[in-house]
């Protein structure tokens, strides 16, 4: 896992993601999926945050997430998959597994200008309200092949 408040560090993980952030007004980018090449893409979305009790952990094996809030604020909670109870086994078709939220992980306050890379061993619970109730968030989730990240870091 990598959490940073310096968007220049994004290029260490994905030059394509950094180029997309640098070359686009993220508030004006159309919602939905945008292909970046090299098996990478970004999903731009808007939603209301939820209470932690209504959220679940997720993990991905093939495509790592780079979570980035564009506007609004939310907590992103991260915990080792080994510490969690699977509620939905991994499905390759959707590249995800789900886990219950009984275990409390590390919480990161996601604000514009911050990003968090989560790898397969990092279950993450996105979209948790950072306020007393639901608040609107605009977000970009970059999907990057795990194999490319591991190769870049020699892992």
N, C-alpha and C. Protein backbone atom coordinates (compact mmCIF):
# COMPACT_ATOMS: atom_id res chain seq x y z
N UNK A 1 0.83 -1.17 0.00
CA UNK A 1 0.00 0.00 0.00
C UNK A 1 0.88 1.23 0.00
N UNK A 2 0.42 2.25 -0.70
CA UNK A 2 1.12 3.51 -0.75
C UNK A 2 0.10 4.63 -0.64
N UNK A 3 0.28 5.50 0.34
CA UNK A 3 -0.58 6.67 0.52
C UNK A 3 0.31 7.88 0.36
N UNK A 4 -0.13 8.85 -0.45
CA UNK A 4 0.70 10.03 -0.66
C UNK A 4 -0.17 11.27 -0.85
N UNK A 5 0.37 12.39 -0.40
CA UNK A 5 -0.25 13.69 -0.64
C UNK A 5 0.49 14.43 -1.77
N UNK A 6 1.43 13.75 -2.41
CA UNK A 6 2.22 14.32 -3.49
C UNK A 6 1.89 13.59 -4.79
N UNK A 7 1.08 14.22 -5.63
CA UNK A 7 0.63 13.56 -6.86
C UNK A 7 1.77 13.23 -7.81
N UNK A 8 2.92 13.88 -7.67
CA UNK A 8 4.07 13.53 -8.51
C UNK A 8 4.49 12.09 -8.28
N UNK A 9 4.23 11.57 -7.07
CA UNK A 9 4.59 10.19 -6.74
C UNK A 9 3.74 9.19 -7.53
N UNK A 10 2.61 9.66 -8.05
CA UNK A 10 1.75 8.80 -8.84
C UNK A 10 2.50 8.21 -10.04
N UNK A 11 3.43 8.97 -10.60
CA UNK A 11 4.21 8.51 -11.74
C UNK A 11 5.11 7.33 -11.42
N UNK A 12 5.45 7.14 -10.16
CA UNK A 12 6.24 5.97 -9.75
C UNK A 12 5.44 4.69 -9.93
N UNK A 13 4.13 4.80 -9.81
CA UNK A 13 3.24 3.65 -9.90
C UNK A 13 2.68 3.51 -11.31
N UNK A 14 2.26 4.62 -11.91
CA UNK A 14 1.67 4.58 -13.24
C UNK A 14 1.89 5.92 -13.95
N UNK A 15 2.74 5.91 -14.96
CA UNK A 15 2.95 7.12 -15.75
C UNK A 15 1.67 7.50 -16.49
N UNK A 16 0.88 6.51 -16.88
CA UNK A 16 -0.38 6.79 -17.59
C UNK A 16 -1.37 7.50 -16.67
N UNK A 17 -1.45 7.07 -15.42
CA UNK A 17 -2.36 7.72 -14.46
C UNK A 17 -1.91 9.16 -14.22
N UNK A 18 -0.62 9.37 -14.05
CA UNK A 18 -0.10 10.72 -13.84
C UNK A 18 -0.40 11.60 -15.04
N UNK A 19 -0.22 11.08 -16.25
CA UNK A 19 -0.52 11.85 -17.46
C UNK A 19 -2.00 12.22 -17.52
N UNK A 20 -2.88 11.27 -17.16
CA UNK A 20 -4.32 11.54 -17.18
C UNK A 20 -4.66 12.66 -16.20
N UNK A 21 -4.09 12.60 -15.01
CA UNK A 21 -4.35 13.62 -13.99
C UNK A 21 -3.80 14.97 -14.45
N UNK A 22 -2.62 14.96 -15.03
CA UNK A 22 -1.97 16.20 -15.45
C UNK A 22 -2.64 16.84 -16.66
N UNK A 23 -3.16 16.01 -17.58
CA UNK A 23 -3.68 16.50 -18.85
C UNK A 23 -5.18 16.80 -18.85
N UNK A 24 -5.87 16.51 -17.76
CA UNK A 24 -7.33 16.66 -17.74
C UNK A 24 -7.80 17.46 -16.54
N UNK A 25 -8.90 18.18 -16.73
CA UNK A 25 -9.61 18.80 -15.62
C UNK A 25 -10.52 17.72 -15.05
N UNK A 26 -10.14 17.14 -13.93
CA UNK A 26 -10.86 15.98 -13.41
C UNK A 26 -12.30 16.30 -13.00
N UNK A 27 -12.61 17.56 -12.78
CA UNK A 27 -14.00 17.92 -12.48
C UNK A 27 -14.85 17.91 -13.74
N UNK A 28 -14.22 18.01 -14.91
CA UNK A 28 -14.95 18.07 -16.17
C UNK A 28 -14.94 16.74 -16.93
N UNK A 29 -14.10 15.79 -16.51
CA UNK A 29 -14.02 14.50 -17.20
C UNK A 29 -15.36 13.78 -17.08
N UNK A 30 -15.80 13.21 -18.18
CA UNK A 30 -17.07 12.46 -18.20
C UNK A 30 -17.01 11.28 -17.24
N UNK A 31 -18.12 11.04 -16.56
CA UNK A 31 -18.20 9.88 -15.66
C UNK A 31 -18.09 8.60 -16.47
N UNK A 32 -17.52 7.56 -15.87
CA UNK A 32 -17.41 6.26 -16.52
C UNK A 32 -15.97 5.86 -16.73
N UNK A 33 -15.80 4.85 -17.56
CA UNK A 33 -14.49 4.24 -17.81
C UNK A 33 -13.76 4.95 -18.95
N UNK A 34 -12.46 5.17 -18.73
CA UNK A 34 -11.58 5.77 -19.73
C UNK A 34 -10.35 4.88 -19.85
N UNK A 35 -10.12 4.32 -21.04
CA UNK A 35 -8.96 3.47 -21.25
C UNK A 35 -7.70 4.33 -21.37
N UNK A 36 -6.63 3.87 -20.72
CA UNK A 36 -5.37 4.61 -20.70
C UNK A 36 -4.28 3.92 -21.51
N UNK A 37 -4.54 2.68 -21.98
CA UNK A 37 -3.54 1.91 -22.69
C UNK A 37 -2.76 1.02 -21.73
N UNK A 38 -2.09 0.02 -22.29
CA UNK A 38 -1.28 -0.87 -21.47
C UNK A 38 -2.06 -1.67 -20.45
N UNK A 39 -3.35 -1.89 -20.71
CA UNK A 39 -4.18 -2.63 -19.76
C UNK A 39 -4.65 -1.79 -18.59
N UNK A 40 -4.37 -0.49 -18.59
CA UNK A 40 -4.78 0.41 -17.53
C UNK A 40 -6.03 1.18 -17.93
N UNK A 41 -6.85 1.50 -16.95
CA UNK A 41 -8.01 2.36 -17.19
C UNK A 41 -8.37 3.08 -15.91
N UNK A 42 -9.25 4.05 -16.03
CA UNK A 42 -9.73 4.79 -14.86
C UNK A 42 -11.24 4.83 -14.91
N UNK A 43 -11.86 4.65 -13.76
CA UNK A 43 -13.29 4.83 -13.59
C UNK A 43 -13.50 6.13 -12.83
N UNK A 44 -14.21 7.07 -13.44
CA UNK A 44 -14.56 8.32 -12.78
C UNK A 44 -16.00 8.19 -12.33
N UNK A 45 -16.24 8.46 -11.05
CA UNK A 45 -17.56 8.22 -10.47
C UNK A 45 -17.95 9.31 -9.49
N UNK A 46 -19.24 9.38 -9.23
CA UNK A 46 -19.79 10.25 -8.19
C UNK A 46 -20.75 9.44 -7.36
N UNK A 47 -20.72 9.64 -6.06
CA UNK A 47 -21.63 8.93 -5.16
C UNK A 47 -21.66 9.65 -3.82
N UNK A 48 -22.58 9.24 -2.98
CA UNK A 48 -22.64 9.73 -1.60
C UNK A 48 -21.93 8.74 -0.70
N UNK A 49 -21.13 9.25 0.23
CA UNK A 49 -20.44 8.37 1.17
C UNK A 49 -21.47 7.67 2.05
N UNK A 50 -21.00 6.63 2.76
CA UNK A 50 -21.90 5.86 3.62
C UNK A 50 -21.26 5.66 4.99
N UNK A 51 -22.06 5.27 5.93
CA UNK A 51 -21.55 4.95 7.26
C UNK A 51 -20.72 3.68 7.18
N UNK A 52 -19.74 3.56 8.06
CA UNK A 52 -18.87 2.39 8.05
C UNK A 52 -19.67 1.10 8.17
N UNK A 53 -20.69 1.09 8.99
CA UNK A 53 -21.49 -0.13 9.21
C UNK A 53 -22.18 -0.61 7.94
N UNK A 54 -22.30 0.27 6.96
CA UNK A 54 -22.94 -0.08 5.69
C UNK A 54 -21.94 -0.37 4.58
N UNK A 55 -20.65 -0.37 4.92
CA UNK A 55 -19.59 -0.58 3.93
C UNK A 55 -18.99 -1.98 4.09
N UNK A 56 -18.20 -2.38 3.11
CA UNK A 56 -17.52 -3.68 3.16
C UNK A 56 -16.12 -3.51 2.58
N UNK A 57 -15.22 -4.39 3.01
CA UNK A 57 -13.88 -4.44 2.41
C UNK A 57 -13.97 -5.16 1.08
N UNK A 58 -13.06 -4.79 0.16
CA UNK A 58 -12.92 -5.47 -1.12
C UNK A 58 -11.44 -5.64 -1.41
N UNK A 59 -11.12 -6.58 -2.27
CA UNK A 59 -9.74 -6.71 -2.74
C UNK A 59 -9.78 -7.16 -4.20
N UNK A 60 -8.64 -6.98 -4.88
CA UNK A 60 -8.52 -7.32 -6.29
C UNK A 60 -7.19 -8.04 -6.51
N UNK A 61 -7.16 -9.04 -7.37
CA UNK A 61 -5.94 -9.80 -7.61
C UNK A 61 -5.19 -9.38 -8.87
N UNK A 62 -5.90 -9.06 -9.93
CA UNK A 62 -5.26 -8.76 -11.22
C UNK A 62 -4.97 -7.28 -11.42
N UNK A 63 -5.87 -6.42 -10.97
CA UNK A 63 -5.73 -4.98 -11.18
C UNK A 63 -5.72 -4.26 -9.83
N UNK A 64 -4.60 -3.61 -9.54
CA UNK A 64 -4.51 -2.82 -8.31
C UNK A 64 -5.33 -1.55 -8.47
N UNK A 65 -5.82 -1.03 -7.37
CA UNK A 65 -6.54 0.23 -7.35
C UNK A 65 -5.62 1.36 -6.95
N UNK A 66 -5.77 2.48 -7.63
CA UNK A 66 -5.23 3.75 -7.15
C UNK A 66 -6.46 4.63 -6.92
N UNK A 67 -6.80 4.83 -5.68
CA UNK A 67 -7.99 5.58 -5.31
C UNK A 67 -7.62 7.06 -5.15
N UNK A 68 -8.41 7.95 -5.77
CA UNK A 68 -8.13 9.37 -5.72
C UNK A 68 -9.43 10.17 -5.67
N UNK A 69 -9.65 10.89 -4.59
CA UNK A 69 -10.82 11.75 -4.48
C UNK A 69 -10.55 13.03 -5.27
N UNK A 70 -11.51 13.43 -6.09
CA UNK A 70 -11.41 14.64 -6.89
C UNK A 70 -12.08 15.79 -6.16
N UNK A 71 -13.26 15.54 -5.58
CA UNK A 71 -13.93 16.55 -4.76
C UNK A 71 -14.66 15.83 -3.63
N UNK A 72 -14.79 16.53 -2.52
CA UNK A 72 -15.39 15.93 -1.34
C UNK A 72 -14.33 15.30 -0.46
N UNK A 73 -14.76 14.43 0.44
CA UNK A 73 -13.85 13.76 1.36
C UNK A 73 -14.47 12.43 1.77
N UNK A 74 -13.62 11.46 2.01
CA UNK A 74 -14.07 10.17 2.51
C UNK A 74 -12.92 9.50 3.24
N UNK A 75 -13.27 8.52 4.05
CA UNK A 75 -12.24 7.66 4.62
C UNK A 75 -12.09 6.44 3.74
N UNK A 76 -10.85 6.00 3.59
CA UNK A 76 -10.52 4.74 2.95
C UNK A 76 -9.85 3.91 4.04
N UNK A 77 -10.47 2.81 4.38
CA UNK A 77 -9.92 1.95 5.41
C UNK A 77 -9.22 0.78 4.74
N UNK A 78 -8.03 0.41 5.23
CA UNK A 78 -7.22 -0.65 4.63
C UNK A 78 -6.82 -1.64 5.71
N UNK A 79 -6.94 -2.95 5.38
CA UNK A 79 -6.56 -4.02 6.31
C UNK A 79 -6.00 -5.19 5.51
N UNK A 80 -5.09 -5.96 6.11
CA UNK A 80 -4.58 -7.15 5.41
C UNK A 80 -5.71 -8.15 5.16
N UNK A 81 -5.75 -8.69 3.95
CA UNK A 81 -6.80 -9.67 3.64
C UNK A 81 -6.74 -10.86 4.60
N UNK A 82 -5.54 -11.20 5.06
CA UNK A 82 -5.37 -12.35 5.97
C UNK A 82 -6.07 -12.15 7.30
N UNK A 83 -6.38 -10.90 7.66
CA UNK A 83 -7.04 -10.61 8.94
C UNK A 83 -8.57 -10.58 8.83
N UNK A 84 -9.11 -10.79 7.64
CA UNK A 84 -10.54 -10.59 7.41
C UNK A 84 -11.26 -11.89 7.09
N UNK A 85 -12.58 -11.85 7.22
CA UNK A 85 -13.44 -12.98 6.89
C UNK A 85 -14.08 -12.73 5.53
N UNK A 86 -13.87 -13.67 4.61
CA UNK A 86 -14.43 -13.54 3.26
C UNK A 86 -15.95 -13.71 3.32
N UNK A 87 -16.66 -12.79 2.67
CA UNK A 87 -18.12 -12.91 2.55
C UNK A 87 -18.52 -13.27 1.12
N UNK A 88 -17.72 -12.85 0.14
CA UNK A 88 -17.91 -13.21 -1.26
C UNK A 88 -16.56 -13.66 -1.79
N UNK A 89 -16.40 -14.95 -2.10
CA UNK A 89 -15.11 -15.43 -2.60
C UNK A 89 -14.69 -14.73 -3.88
N UNK A 90 -13.40 -14.74 -4.13
CA UNK A 90 -12.85 -14.09 -5.31
C UNK A 90 -13.49 -14.63 -6.58
N UNK A 91 -13.84 -13.71 -7.47
CA UNK A 91 -14.33 -14.07 -8.79
C UNK A 91 -13.45 -13.39 -9.82
N UNK A 92 -12.85 -14.17 -10.70
CA UNK A 92 -11.97 -13.62 -11.72
C UNK A 92 -12.74 -12.74 -12.69
N UNK A 93 -14.01 -13.06 -12.91
CA UNK A 93 -14.83 -12.31 -13.85
C UNK A 93 -14.91 -10.83 -13.45
N UNK A 94 -15.05 -10.56 -12.19
CA UNK A 94 -15.13 -9.18 -11.73
C UNK A 94 -13.86 -8.71 -11.03
N UNK A 95 -12.89 -9.61 -10.88
CA UNK A 95 -11.63 -9.34 -10.19
C UNK A 95 -11.86 -8.73 -8.81
N UNK A 96 -12.65 -9.42 -7.99
CA UNK A 96 -12.85 -8.91 -6.63
C UNK A 96 -13.25 -10.04 -5.68
N UNK A 97 -13.00 -9.77 -4.42
CA UNK A 97 -13.53 -10.55 -3.30
C UNK A 97 -14.03 -9.52 -2.30
N UNK A 98 -15.03 -9.92 -1.50
CA UNK A 98 -15.57 -9.04 -0.47
C UNK A 98 -15.36 -9.66 0.90
N UNK A 99 -15.24 -8.79 1.90
CA UNK A 99 -14.97 -9.21 3.28
C UNK A 99 -15.87 -8.43 4.22
N UNK A 100 -16.11 -9.01 5.42
CA UNK A 100 -16.92 -8.27 6.39
C UNK A 100 -16.08 -7.16 7.03
N UNK A 101 -16.74 -6.26 7.69
CA UNK A 101 -16.06 -5.11 8.29
C UNK A 101 -15.82 -5.24 9.77
N UNK A 102 -15.83 -6.46 10.30
CA UNK A 102 -15.65 -6.65 11.75
C UNK A 102 -14.29 -6.16 12.23
N UNK A 103 -13.27 -6.34 11.40
CA UNK A 103 -11.91 -5.93 11.76
C UNK A 103 -11.73 -4.45 11.40
N UNK A 104 -11.21 -3.67 12.32
CA UNK A 104 -10.95 -2.26 12.01
C UNK A 104 -9.53 -2.10 11.50
N UNK A 105 -9.40 -1.57 10.31
CA UNK A 105 -8.09 -1.37 9.70
C UNK A 105 -7.58 0.03 9.91
N UNK A 106 -6.57 0.37 9.13
CA UNK A 106 -6.01 1.72 9.16
C UNK A 106 -6.89 2.63 8.32
N UNK A 107 -7.19 3.82 8.83
CA UNK A 107 -8.05 4.77 8.14
C UNK A 107 -7.23 5.90 7.54
N UNK A 108 -7.51 6.20 6.28
CA UNK A 108 -6.84 7.29 5.59
C UNK A 108 -7.89 8.29 5.12
N UNK A 109 -7.69 9.56 5.48
CA UNK A 109 -8.60 10.60 5.04
C UNK A 109 -8.24 10.98 3.61
N UNK A 110 -9.15 10.68 2.71
CA UNK A 110 -8.93 10.95 1.29
C UNK A 110 -9.55 12.31 0.94
N UNK A 111 -8.69 13.22 0.54
CA UNK A 111 -9.07 14.55 0.12
C UNK A 111 -8.50 14.79 -1.27
N UNK A 112 -8.99 15.79 -2.01
CA UNK A 112 -8.38 16.09 -3.30
C UNK A 112 -6.87 16.32 -3.14
N UNK A 113 -6.10 15.76 -4.07
CA UNK A 113 -4.64 15.91 -4.03
C UNK A 113 -3.94 14.76 -3.32
N UNK A 114 -4.68 13.78 -2.87
CA UNK A 114 -4.11 12.60 -2.22
C UNK A 114 -4.49 11.36 -3.03
N UNK A 115 -3.64 10.33 -2.94
CA UNK A 115 -4.01 9.07 -3.58
C UNK A 115 -3.53 7.92 -2.71
N UNK A 116 -4.15 6.76 -2.93
CA UNK A 116 -3.78 5.56 -2.21
C UNK A 116 -3.77 4.38 -3.18
N UNK A 117 -2.63 3.72 -3.27
CA UNK A 117 -2.48 2.50 -4.06
C UNK A 117 -2.74 1.32 -3.13
N UNK A 118 -3.64 0.43 -3.54
CA UNK A 118 -3.89 -0.79 -2.77
C UNK A 118 -3.62 -1.99 -3.65
N UNK A 119 -2.82 -2.90 -3.13
CA UNK A 119 -2.40 -4.11 -3.83
C UNK A 119 -3.30 -5.27 -3.41
N UNK A 120 -3.13 -6.46 -4.00
CA UNK A 120 -4.03 -7.59 -3.70
C UNK A 120 -4.12 -7.97 -2.22
N UNK A 121 -3.05 -7.81 -1.48
CA UNK A 121 -3.08 -8.17 -0.06
C UNK A 121 -3.70 -7.08 0.81
N UNK A 122 -4.04 -5.94 0.20
CA UNK A 122 -4.62 -4.81 0.90
C UNK A 122 -6.12 -4.74 0.65
N UNK A 123 -6.91 -5.33 1.53
CA UNK A 123 -8.35 -5.14 1.40
C UNK A 123 -8.63 -3.68 1.75
N UNK A 124 -9.57 -3.10 1.05
CA UNK A 124 -9.87 -1.69 1.26
C UNK A 124 -11.37 -1.47 1.30
N UNK A 125 -11.76 -0.52 2.14
CA UNK A 125 -13.16 -0.16 2.33
C UNK A 125 -13.29 1.31 1.92
N UNK A 126 -13.67 1.57 0.68
CA UNK A 126 -13.80 2.96 0.22
C UNK A 126 -15.18 3.53 0.55
N UNK A 127 -15.27 4.84 0.39
CA UNK A 127 -16.58 5.50 0.45
C UNK A 127 -17.16 5.70 1.84
N UNK A 128 -16.34 5.61 2.87
CA UNK A 128 -16.84 5.78 4.24
C UNK A 128 -16.87 7.27 4.57
N UNK A 129 -17.98 7.71 5.10
CA UNK A 129 -18.16 9.14 5.36
C UNK A 129 -17.12 9.66 6.34
N UNK A 130 -16.65 10.87 6.04
CA UNK A 130 -15.72 11.56 6.93
C UNK A 130 -16.47 12.63 7.72
N UNK A 131 -17.80 12.62 7.61
CA UNK A 131 -18.65 13.59 8.30
C UNK A 131 -19.68 12.82 9.14
N UNK A 132 -20.69 13.52 9.60
CA UNK A 132 -21.73 12.87 10.41
C UNK A 132 -22.70 12.06 9.57
N UNK A 133 -22.77 12.36 8.30
CA UNK A 133 -23.70 11.65 7.42
C UNK A 133 -23.14 11.61 6.01
N UNK A 134 -23.97 11.18 5.09
CA UNK A 134 -23.56 11.04 3.70
C UNK A 134 -23.18 12.39 3.10
N UNK A 135 -22.10 12.39 2.33
CA UNK A 135 -21.67 13.59 1.62
C UNK A 135 -21.29 13.19 0.19
N UNK A 136 -21.46 14.09 -0.77
CA UNK A 136 -21.12 13.75 -2.16
C UNK A 136 -19.61 13.72 -2.39
N UNK A 137 -19.19 12.77 -3.21
CA UNK A 137 -17.78 12.61 -3.58
C UNK A 137 -17.69 12.39 -5.08
N UNK A 138 -16.70 13.01 -5.68
CA UNK A 138 -16.32 12.70 -7.06
C UNK A 138 -14.95 12.06 -6.95
N UNK A 139 -14.76 10.95 -7.64
CA UNK A 139 -13.57 10.15 -7.43
C UNK A 139 -13.10 9.52 -8.72
N UNK A 140 -11.79 9.28 -8.79
CA UNK A 140 -11.18 8.51 -9.88
C UNK A 140 -10.54 7.28 -9.26
N UNK A 141 -10.83 6.12 -9.84
CA UNK A 141 -10.17 4.88 -9.42
C UNK A 141 -9.42 4.35 -10.63
N UNK A 142 -8.10 4.45 -10.56
CA UNK A 142 -7.25 3.93 -11.62
C UNK A 142 -7.03 2.45 -11.38
N UNK A 143 -7.10 1.66 -12.44
CA UNK A 143 -6.88 0.22 -12.37
C UNK A 143 -5.61 -0.08 -13.17
N UNK A 144 -4.63 -0.65 -12.46
CA UNK A 144 -3.31 -0.89 -13.04
C UNK A 144 -2.95 -2.36 -12.83
N UNK A 145 -2.49 -3.05 -13.89
CA UNK A 145 -2.12 -4.46 -13.71
C UNK A 145 -1.10 -4.63 -12.58
N UNK A 146 -1.41 -5.54 -11.67
CA UNK A 146 -0.52 -5.83 -10.54
C UNK A 146 0.85 -6.25 -11.05
N UNK A 147 0.86 -7.05 -12.12
CA UNK A 147 2.14 -7.53 -12.67
C UNK A 147 3.03 -6.37 -13.10
N UNK A 148 2.46 -5.31 -13.65
CA UNK A 148 3.25 -4.15 -14.09
C UNK A 148 3.84 -3.41 -12.89
N UNK A 149 3.05 -3.28 -11.82
CA UNK A 149 3.55 -2.59 -10.63
C UNK A 149 4.67 -3.41 -9.99
N UNK A 150 4.47 -4.70 -9.88
CA UNK A 150 5.51 -5.54 -9.26
C UNK A 150 6.79 -5.54 -10.10
N UNK A 151 6.65 -5.55 -11.42
CA UNK A 151 7.82 -5.51 -12.29
C UNK A 151 8.57 -4.19 -12.13
N UNK A 152 7.82 -3.08 -12.01
CA UNK A 152 8.44 -1.77 -11.87
C UNK A 152 9.23 -1.66 -10.56
N UNK A 153 8.76 -2.34 -9.53
CA UNK A 153 9.40 -2.27 -8.23
C UNK A 153 10.30 -3.47 -7.96
N UNK A 154 10.46 -4.33 -8.96
CA UNK A 154 11.34 -5.48 -8.80
C UNK A 154 10.86 -6.49 -7.80
N UNK A 155 9.55 -6.59 -7.64
CA UNK A 155 8.98 -7.54 -6.67
C UNK A 155 8.44 -8.78 -7.36
